[in-house]
Amino acid sequence: MAGKMLQDVDGKLKPGHDWQMEVTDELSKPLFRLVISARRPR
């Protein structure tokens, strides 16, 4: 699911910004959060 959503982010995520996806259970209780950070290569 995250991979599919990241396809829509392609080209829009700029260095210094993050993309996040929170995964919840059936009661909307957070289970975990995926965080993708954009950084410039060194």
PDB file of N, CA and C in Angstrom:
ATOM      1  N   MET A   1       0.831  -1.194   0.000  1.00  0.00           N
ATOM      2  CA  MET A   1       0.000   0.000   0.000  1.00  0.00           C
ATOM      3  C   MET A   1       0.874   1.255   0.000  1.00  0.00           C
ATOM      4  N   ALA A   2       1.907   1.261   0.855  1.00  0.00           N
ATOM      5  CA  ALA A   2       2.782   2.448   0.917  1.00  0.00           C
ATOM      6  C   ALA A   2       3.460   2.694  -0.426  1.00  0.00           C
ATOM      7  N   GLY A   3       3.907   1.619  -1.086  1.00  0.00           N
ATOM      8  CA  GLY A   3       4.550   1.763  -2.390  1.00  0.00           C
ATOM      9  C   GLY A   3       3.623   2.380  -3.417  1.00  0.00           C
ATOM     10  N   LYS A   4       2.381   1.939  -3.420  1.00  0.00           N
ATOM     11  CA  LYS A   4       1.391   2.495  -4.352  1.00  0.00           C
ATOM     12  C   LYS A   4       1.164   3.978  -4.076  1.00  0.00           C
ATOM     13  N   MET A   5       1.059   4.334  -2.790  1.00  0.00           N
ATOM     14  CA  MET A   5       0.847   5.741  -2.431  1.00  0.00           C
ATOM     15  C   MET A   5       2.064   6.590  -2.793  1.00  0.00           C
ATOM     16  N   LEU A   6       3.265   6.029  -2.633  1.00  0.00           N
ATOM     17  CA  LEU A   6       4.475   6.784  -2.952  1.00  0.00           C
ATOM     18  C   LEU A   6       4.605   7.052  -4.455  1.00  0.00           C
ATOM     19  N   GLN A   7       3.995   6.229  -5.280  1.00  0.00           N
ATOM     20  CA  GLN A   7       4.008   6.489  -6.718  1.00  0.00           C
ATOM     21  C   GLN A   7       3.363   7.838  -7.017  1.00  0.00           C
ATOM     22  N   ASP A   8       2.350   8.207  -6.249  1.00  0.00           N
ATOM     23  CA  ASP A   8       1.668   9.493  -6.448  1.00  0.00           C
ATOM     24  C   ASP A   8       2.516  10.662  -5.955  1.00  0.00           C
ATOM     25  N   VAL A   9       3.481  10.393  -5.078  1.00  0.00           N
ATOM     26  CA  VAL A   9       4.348  11.432  -4.528  1.00  0.00           C
ATOM     27  C   VAL A   9       5.501  11.735  -5.480  1.00  0.00           C
ATOM     28  N   ASP A  10       5.762  10.841  -6.420  1.00  0.00           N
ATOM     29  CA  ASP A  10       6.905  10.943  -7.329  1.00  0.00           C
ATOM     30  C   ASP A  10       7.082  12.358  -7.874  1.00  0.00           C
ATOM     31  N   GLY A  11       8.235  12.931  -7.612  1.00  0.00           N
ATOM     32  CA  GLY A  11       8.555  14.271  -8.090  1.00  0.00           C
ATOM     33  C   GLY A  11       8.045  15.399  -7.213  1.00  0.00           C
ATOM     34  N   LYS A  12       7.229  15.093  -6.221  1.00  0.00           N
ATOM     35  CA  LYS A  12       6.649  16.131  -5.368  1.00  0.00           C
ATOM     36  C   LYS A  12       7.346  16.242  -4.020  1.00  0.00           C
ATOM     37  N   LEU A  13       8.076  15.191  -3.611  1.00  0.00           N
ATOM     38  CA  LEU A  13       8.759  15.200  -2.324  1.00  0.00           C
ATOM     39  C   LEU A  13      10.092  15.929  -2.481  1.00  0.00           C
ATOM     40  N   LYS A  14      10.234  17.024  -1.806  1.00  0.00           N
ATOM     41  CA  LYS A  14      11.425  17.872  -1.923  1.00  0.00           C
ATOM     42  C   LYS A  14      12.336  17.678  -0.712  1.00  0.00           C
ATOM     43  N   PRO A  15      13.651  17.878  -0.893  1.00  0.00           N
ATOM     44  CA  PRO A  15      14.578  17.766   0.232  1.00  0.00           C
ATOM     45  C   PRO A  15      14.137  18.642   1.407  1.00  0.00           C
ATOM     46  N   GLY A  16      14.240  18.077   2.606  1.00  0.00           N
ATOM     47  CA  GLY A  16      13.835  18.789   3.807  1.00  0.00           C
ATOM     48  C   GLY A  16      12.390  18.528   4.205  1.00  0.00           C
ATOM     49  N   HIS A  17      11.670  17.756   3.392  1.00  0.00           N
ATOM     50  CA  HIS A  17      10.275  17.440   3.682  1.00  0.00           C
ATOM     51  C   HIS A  17      10.118  15.941   3.924  1.00  0.00           C
ATOM     52  N   ASP A  18       9.059  15.570   4.608  1.00  0.00           N
ATOM     53  CA  ASP A  18       8.778  14.176   4.911  1.00  0.00           C
ATOM     54  C   ASP A  18       7.443  13.755   4.319  1.00  0.00           C
ATOM     55  N   TRP A  19       7.299  12.470   4.107  1.00  0.00           N
ATOM     56  CA  TRP A  19       6.032  11.857   3.743  1.00  0.00           C
ATOM     57  C   TRP A  19       5.735  10.837   4.826  1.00  0.00           C
ATOM     58  N   GLN A  20       4.505  10.814   5.333  1.00  0.00           N
ATOM     59  CA  GLN A  20       4.144   9.918   6.421  1.00  0.00           C
ATOM     60  C   GLN A  20       2.867   9.155   6.104  1.00  0.00           C
ATOM     61  N   MET A  21       2.825   7.918   6.611  1.00  0.00           N
ATOM     62  CA  MET A  21       1.609   7.119   6.524  1.00  0.00           C
ATOM     63  C   MET A  21       1.420   6.441   7.872  1.00  0.00           C
ATOM     64  N   GLU A  22       0.277   6.654   8.481  1.00  0.00           N
ATOM     65  CA  GLU A  22      -0.024   6.024   9.761  1.00  0.00           C
ATOM     66  C   GLU A  22      -0.916   4.811   9.530  1.00  0.00           C
ATOM     67  N   VAL A  23      -0.532   3.685  10.123  1.00  0.00           N
ATOM     68  CA  VAL A  23      -1.297   2.449  10.020  1.00  0.00           C
ATOM     69  C   VAL A  23      -2.071   2.275  11.319  1.00  0.00           C
ATOM     70  N   THR A  24      -3.377   2.035  11.189  1.00  0.00           N
ATOM     71  CA  THR A  24      -4.245   1.898  12.364  1.00  0.00           C
ATOM     72  C   THR A  24      -4.947   0.544  12.342  1.00  0.00           C
ATOM     73  N   ASP A  25      -5.481   0.174  13.503  1.00  0.00           N
ATOM     74  CA  ASP A  25      -6.283  -1.042  13.574  1.00  0.00           C
ATOM     75  C   ASP A  25      -7.734  -0.718  13.223  1.00  0.00           C
ATOM     76  N   GLU A  26      -8.615  -1.696  13.360  1.00  0.00           N
ATOM     77  CA  GLU A  26     -10.018  -1.497  12.983  1.00  0.00           C
ATOM     78  C   GLU A  26     -10.748  -0.481  13.849  1.00  0.00           C
ATOM     79  N   LEU A  27     -10.160  -0.131  15.009  1.00  0.00           N
ATOM     80  CA  LEU A  27     -10.760   0.888  15.884  1.00  0.00           C
ATOM     81  C   LEU A  27     -10.060   2.246  15.733  1.00  0.00           C
ATOM     82  N   SER A  28      -9.250   2.370  14.692  1.00  0.00           N
ATOM     83  CA  SER A  28      -8.479   3.585  14.390  1.00  0.00           C
ATOM     84  C   SER A  28      -7.383   3.867  15.421  1.00  0.00           C
ATOM     85  N   LYS A  29      -6.988   2.869  16.182  1.00  0.00           N
ATOM     86  CA  LYS A  29      -5.873   3.011  17.123  1.00  0.00           C
ATOM     87  C   LYS A  29      -4.574   2.884  16.326  1.00  0.00           C
ATOM     88  N   PRO A  30      -3.677   3.879  16.437  1.00  0.00           N
ATOM     89  CA  PRO A  30      -2.418   3.824  15.677  1.00  0.00           C
ATOM     90  C   PRO A  30      -1.578   2.604  16.064  1.00  0.00           C
ATOM     91  N   LEU A  31      -1.093   1.905  15.050  1.00  0.00           N
ATOM     92  CA  LEU A  31      -0.209   0.760  15.252  1.00  0.00           C
ATOM     93  C   LEU A  31       1.242   1.152  14.993  1.00  0.00           C
ATOM     94  N   PHE A  32       1.468   1.842  13.897  1.00  0.00           N
ATOM     95  CA  PHE A  32       2.798   2.358  13.589  1.00  0.00           C
ATOM     96  C   PHE A  32       2.697   3.415  12.501  1.00  0.00           C
ATOM     97  N   ARG A  33       3.806   4.143  12.307  1.00  0.00           N
ATOM     98  CA  ARG A  33       3.865   5.218  11.316  1.00  0.00           C
ATOM     99  C   ARG A  33       5.100   5.003  10.446  1.00  0.00           C
ATOM    100  N   LEU A  34       4.913   5.070   9.152  1.00  0.00           N
ATOM    101  CA  LEU A  34       6.028   5.029   8.208  1.00  0.00           C
ATOM    102  C   LEU A  34       6.398   6.465   7.870  1.00  0.00           C
ATOM    103  N   VAL A  35       7.682   6.776   7.924  1.00  0.00           N
ATOM    104  CA  VAL A  35       8.151   8.129   7.614  1.00  0.00           C
ATOM    105  C   VAL A  35       9.242   8.023   6.558  1.00  0.00           C
ATOM    106  N   ILE A  36       9.066   8.727   5.461  1.00  0.00           N
ATOM    107  CA  ILE A  36      10.058   8.818   4.390  1.00  0.00           C
ATOM    108  C   ILE A  36      10.564  10.256   4.384  1.00  0.00           C
ATOM    109  N   SER A  37      11.878  10.419   4.528  1.00  0.00           N
ATOM    110  CA  SER A  37      12.482  11.751   4.538  1.00  0.00           C
ATOM    111  C   SER A  37      13.276  11.975   3.259  1.00  0.00           C
ATOM    112  N   ALA A  38      13.116  13.117   2.659  1.00  0.00           N
ATOM    113  CA  ALA A  38      13.877  13.473   1.468  1.00  0.00           C
ATOM    114  C   ALA A  38      15.114  14.269   1.881  1.00  0.00           C
ATOM    115  N   ARG A  39      16.264  13.829   1.393  1.00  0.00           N
ATOM    116  CA  ARG A  39      17.536  14.508   1.673  1.00  0.00           C
ATOM    117  C   ARG A  39      18.327  14.617   0.368  1.00  0.00           C
ATOM    118  N   ARG A  40      19.126  15.647   0.272  1.00  0.00           N
ATOM    119  CA  ARG A  40      20.018  15.790  -0.888  1.00  0.00           C
ATOM    120  C   ARG A  40      21.218  14.849  -0.704  1.00  0.00           C
ATOM    121  N   PRO A  41      21.683  14.221  -1.791  1.00  0.00           N
ATOM    122  CA  PRO A  41      22.866  13.368  -1.665  1.00  0.00           C
ATOM    123  C   PRO A  41      24.096  14.210  -1.321  1.00  0.00           C
ATOM    124  N   ARG A  42      24.997  13.599  -0.595  1.00  0.00           N
ATOM    125  CA  ARG A  42      26.232  14.329  -0.206  1.00  0.00           C
ATOM    126  C   ARG A  42      27.298  14.189  -1.242  1.00  0.00           C
TER     127      ARG A  42
END
